[in-house]
Amino acid sequence: MIFDLSNRLSACVFSVALAFVGSTASATTINFDVNEYYTSGTNTYISTDGSVDVAVDGVRVNRFGTITNTENYWTSSWDGPGDNGGLGVYDCRWANSCLDNSQIDGAGPDEFALLDFGDLIVQITSITFSFWDNDDTFAYGVYENTAVPSTPVVYEDNLGGGANNPYTFAFGEGELVGSIIGFGVDSWNDNFRLQNITFDLVSAVPLPAGGLLILTGLGGLALIRRRRTITATATA
């Protein structure tokens, strides 16, 4: 994956801002293993403490994580057993006929669930999947908007590992931060549902004096930084 200069600089600006923000002391959880009927629009999910809501839409992405279709990919979710409940994406390109399965999968186009936190900036700390098996990996993207074609500011793929189900992947400090974040597949044999996410709220503050000098240094580093592919080893 090669980012153009504007995307790299956007990522750097965001990284600098994060150096001067504070977050809440404890993580917030949103569960997707609730019954939400499938829709061509967005489904809304509320955190377990009632403090945050997120709008979720189904989209199609290409192999670079760029959003290519927002109209024909619907979402729904189910309150199922521990290894079955969660959020799925439907492929509904055939005259609004949803012939796809109820999971997020790559059997056809790569499907993504796009989470929009509105005016909030959040730091994702973990994500849990159901229907997970040892062939599955996942991808995520951080976006500035949901327009087509929206190219991710940050995109990572081939994350995951192991056959635990449900499967939880933990993110490092500052690794996944944004307002619009997509989770989905990057391979034809991936299929799973999103069961829940945990996150911290981030409070942005103005860039202080000297921030541009830091940005210049980070920009230079970003131009030579190669995309990391992360493989997590599941624990028994």
Foldseek 3Di string as FASTA:
>chain_A
DDDDLVLLLVVLVVVLQVVPWDWDPDKWKWFFLDWDDKDQFWDKTAIPVRPFIKTKFKFFAALQRWTAGRRQKIKTWHNDPQQATAMAIFRQPPVRDGPDDRWQAQLDTWMKIKIARDPWKKAWFKWWWHPFAQVAWKKKFAFPDDDPGTGGSDIATREEGHGDGRDMDGDDVPRDMHRMMMMTGNDRGHTIHTGMIIIITMDGDDRDPPSVVVSVVSSVVSNPDDDDHDYDYDDD
